C-alpha atoms as a PDB file:
ATOM      1  CA  MET A   1      -3.644  12.514  10.113  1.00  0.00           C
ATOM      2  CA  ILE A   2      -2.358   8.954   9.708  1.00  0.00           C
ATOM      3  CA  ASP A   3      -5.253   7.624  11.784  1.00  0.00           C
ATOM      4  CA  SER A   4      -7.775   9.418   9.570  1.00  0.00           C
ATOM      5  CA  LEU A   5      -6.198   8.009   6.431  1.00  0.00           C
ATOM      6  CA  LEU A   6      -6.216   4.506   7.888  1.00  0.00           C
ATOM      7  CA  LYS A   7      -9.886   4.751   8.910  1.00  0.00           C
ATOM      8  CA  ASN A   8     -11.031   6.319   5.649  1.00  0.00           C
ATOM      9  CA  ALA A   9      -9.082   3.871   3.501  1.00  0.00           C
ATOM     10  CA  VAL A  10     -11.263   1.019   4.753  1.00  0.00           C
ATOM     11  CA  SER A  11     -14.487   3.011   4.678  1.00  0.00           C
ATOM     12  CA  SER A  12     -17.450   1.586   2.808  1.00  0.00           C
ATOM     13  CA  GLU A  13     -17.993   5.018   1.236  1.00  0.00           C
ATOM     14  CA  LYS A  14     -16.274   4.868  -2.153  1.00  0.00           C
ATOM     15  CA  SER A  15     -15.441   8.577  -2.339  1.00  0.00           C
ATOM     16  CA  LEU A  16     -13.728   8.444   1.069  1.00  0.00           C
ATOM     17  CA  PHE A  17     -11.508   5.488   0.376  1.00  0.00           C
ATOM     18  CA  THR A  18     -10.607   6.616  -3.144  1.00  0.00           C
ATOM     19  CA  LEU A  19      -9.570  10.014  -1.810  1.00  0.00           C
ATOM     20  CA  SER A  20      -7.606   8.354   1.001  1.00  0.00           C
ATOM     21  CA  PHE A  21      -5.867   6.056  -1.477  1.00  0.00           C
ATOM     22  CA  SER A  22      -4.975   9.063  -3.644  1.00  0.00           C
ATOM     23  CA  ILE A  23      -3.478  10.871  -0.651  1.00  0.00           C
ATOM     24  CA  ILE A  24      -1.499   7.794   0.360  1.00  0.00           C
ATOM     25  CA  VAL A  25      -0.125   7.387  -3.174  1.00  0.00           C
ATOM     26  CA  ALA A  26       0.863  11.068  -3.214  1.00  0.00           C
ATOM     27  CA  LEU A  27       2.623  10.657   0.135  1.00  0.00           C
ATOM     28  CA  ILE A  28       4.463   7.562  -1.033  1.00  0.00           C
ATOM     29  CA  THR A  29       5.508   9.072  -4.354  1.00  0.00           C
ATOM     30  CA  ASN A  30       6.548  12.482  -3.051  1.00  0.00           C
ATOM     31  CA  PHE A  31       7.656  11.978   0.558  1.00  0.00           C
ATOM     32  CA  ARG A  32       8.839   8.377   0.783  1.00  0.00           C
ATOM     33  CA  ASP A  33      12.282   9.427   2.018  1.00  0.00           C
ATOM     34  CA  ASN A  34      10.751  10.911   5.171  1.00  0.00           C
ATOM     35  CA  LEU A  35       7.893   8.478   5.751  1.00  0.00           C
ATOM     36  CA  LYS A  36       9.540   5.076   5.988  1.00  0.00           C
ATOM     37  CA  ALA A  37       7.558   3.872   9.016  1.00  0.00           C
ATOM     38  CA  GLU A  38       4.277   5.308   7.764  1.00  0.00           C
ATOM     39  CA  ILE A  39       4.635   3.712   4.341  1.00  0.00           C
ATOM     40  CA  ALA A  40       5.091   0.326   6.003  1.00  0.00           C
ATOM     41  CA  VAL A  41       1.890   0.896   7.985  1.00  0.00           C
ATOM     42  CA  PHE A  42      -0.048   1.898   4.875  1.00  0.00           C
ATOM     43  CA  ILE A  43       1.133  -1.049   2.836  1.00  0.00           C
ATOM     44  CA  GLU A  44       0.901  -3.702   5.553  1.00  0.00           C
ATOM     45  CA  ASN A  45      -2.232  -2.548   7.385  1.00  0.00           C
ATOM     46  CA  ILE A  46      -4.295  -1.295   4.480  1.00  0.00           C
ATOM     47  CA  PHE A  47      -3.272  -2.538   1.064  1.00  0.00           C
ATOM     48  CA  LEU A  48      -2.052  -6.026   1.881  1.00  0.00           C
ATOM     49  CA  LYS A  49      -4.871  -6.699   4.322  1.00  0.00           C
ATOM     50  CA  LEU A  50      -7.476  -5.555   1.783  1.00  0.00           C
ATOM     51  CA  LEU A  51      -6.037  -7.872  -0.852  1.00  0.00           C
ATOM     52  CA  GLU A  52      -5.651 -10.816   1.537  1.00  0.00           C
ATOM     53  CA  SER A  53      -9.074 -10.547   3.154  1.00  0.00           C
ATOM     54  CA  ASN A  54     -11.987 -12.502   1.764  1.00  0.00           C
ATOM     55  CA  ASN A  55     -14.281  -9.852   3.256  1.00  0.00           C
ATOM     56  CA  SER A  56     -12.901  -6.982   1.162  1.00  0.00           C
ATOM     57  CA  ASN A  57     -15.249  -5.687  -1.475  1.00  0.00           C
ATOM     58  CA  PHE A  58     -14.390  -5.499  -5.156  1.00  0.00           C
ATOM     59  CA  ASP A  59     -13.823  -1.718  -5.185  1.00  0.00           C
ATOM     60  CA  HIS A  60     -11.296  -1.867  -2.323  1.00  0.00           C
ATOM     61  CA  ARG A  61      -9.364  -4.621  -4.054  1.00  0.00           C
ATOM     62  CA  LEU A  62      -9.462  -2.877  -7.428  1.00  0.00           C
ATOM     63  CA  PHE A  63      -8.242   0.434  -6.012  1.00  0.00           C
ATOM     64  CA  THR A  64      -5.515  -1.368  -4.083  1.00  0.00           C
ATOM     65  CA  LEU A  65      -4.282  -2.914  -7.317  1.00  0.00           C
ATOM     66  CA  HIS A  66      -4.371   0.553  -8.908  1.00  0.00           C
ATOM     67  CA  VAL A  67      -2.255   1.877  -6.035  1.00  0.00           C
ATOM     68  CA  PHE A  68       0.401  -0.789  -6.573  1.00  0.00           C
ATOM     69  CA  ASN A  69       0.277  -0.122 -10.319  1.00  0.00           C
ATOM     70  CA  LYS A  70       0.849   3.621  -9.762  1.00  0.00           C
ATOM     71  CA  MET A  71       3.586   3.029  -7.205  1.00  0.00           C
ATOM     72  CA  PHE A  72       5.519   0.578  -9.315  1.00  0.00           C
ATOM     73  CA  LYS A  73       5.410   2.821 -12.389  1.00  0.00           C
ATOM     74  CA  ILE A  74       7.538   5.335 -10.513  1.00  0.00           C
ATOM     75  CA  PRO A  75      11.218   4.677 -11.120  1.00  0.00           C
ATOM     76  CA  ARG A  76      13.066   3.263  -8.126  1.00  0.00           C
ATOM     77  CA  VAL A  77      10.027   2.772  -5.851  1.00  0.00           C
ATOM     78  CA  ILE A  78      10.165  -1.003  -5.848  1.00  0.00           C
ATOM     79  CA  LEU A  79      13.935  -0.899  -5.422  1.00  0.00           C
ATOM     80  CA  GLU A  80      13.631   1.537  -2.494  1.00  0.00           C
ATOM     81  CA  LEU A  81      10.937  -0.597  -0.866  1.00  0.00           C
ATOM     82  CA  TYR A  82      13.133  -3.667  -1.251  1.00  0.00           C
ATOM     83  CA  VAL A  83      16.210  -1.956   0.194  1.00  0.00           C
ATOM     84  CA  ASN A  84      14.317  -0.241   3.037  1.00  0.00           C
ATOM     85  CA  TYR A  85      12.240  -3.226   4.138  1.00  0.00           C
ATOM     86  CA  ASP A  86      13.251  -6.582   2.668  1.00  0.00           C
ATOM     87  CA  CYS A  87      16.992  -6.054   3.166  1.00  0.00           C
ATOM     88  CA  GLN A  88      16.644  -4.906   6.785  1.00  0.00           C
ATOM     89  CA  LEU A  89      16.882  -7.577   9.471  1.00  0.00           C
ATOM     90  CA  LYS A  90      14.166  -6.113  11.693  1.00  0.00           C
ATOM     91  CA  GLU A  91      11.693  -5.383   8.889  1.00  0.00           C
ATOM     92  CA  LYS A  92       9.238  -7.702   7.169  1.00  0.00           C
ATOM     93  CA  CYS A  93       9.821  -8.762   3.583  1.00  0.00           C
ATOM     94  CA  MET A  94       7.337  -6.322   2.126  1.00  0.00           C
ATOM     95  CA  VAL A  95       8.201  -6.528  -1.571  1.00  0.00           C
ATOM     96  CA  GLU A  96       8.292 -10.303  -1.444  1.00  0.00           C
ATOM     97  CA  THR A  97       4.854 -10.327   0.192  1.00  0.00           C
ATOM     98  CA  ILE A  98       3.437  -7.894  -2.376  1.00  0.00           C
ATOM     99  CA  ILE A  99       4.781  -9.881  -5.319  1.00  0.00           C
ATOM    100  CA  ASN A 100       3.579 -13.209  -3.899  1.00  0.00           C
ATOM    101  CA  LEU A 101       0.131 -11.759  -3.254  1.00  0.00           C
ATOM    102  CA  LEU A 102      -0.103 -10.229  -6.734  1.00  0.00           C
ATOM    103  CA  ALA A 103       1.006 -13.531  -8.265  1.00  0.00           C
ATOM    104  CA  LYS A 104      -1.650 -15.352  -6.228  1.00  0.00           C
ATOM    105  CA  ILE A 105      -4.337 -12.930  -7.423  1.00  0.00           C
ATOM    106  CA  THR A 106      -3.384 -13.350 -11.069  1.00  0.00           C
END
C-alpha cells in the first residue's frame, strides 16, 4: 500500500495525486502514533522532494503546501513531529527542514 501511495503521489494525473495526498493526510492525522517510519518516508520522499525540486509542477507544489497546512492545523502534530524526529539522534531534523523550506518558498 505504501508503494502505491508513493507512486500515485508523484503521478502527473491530478486526481491520482490529490487522492493520494488526501489518504496520506488521513493516515498522518489519525494513525501517526503507529506510523512513525511511514510518516518520515511520506514527508521526506514525497512532500519535501516535491517542494525542493525545480521539476515539480505547480499543482504538486500547491497540494503539498495544502498538506502541510492541514497537518499543522491539528493540535500537537508539529510538536509530535519535532519530538519524534528532530529530537532523536538517529533521525533527520524534519521540522527544521520543513520550516526552512516553507520560509524559502515565502
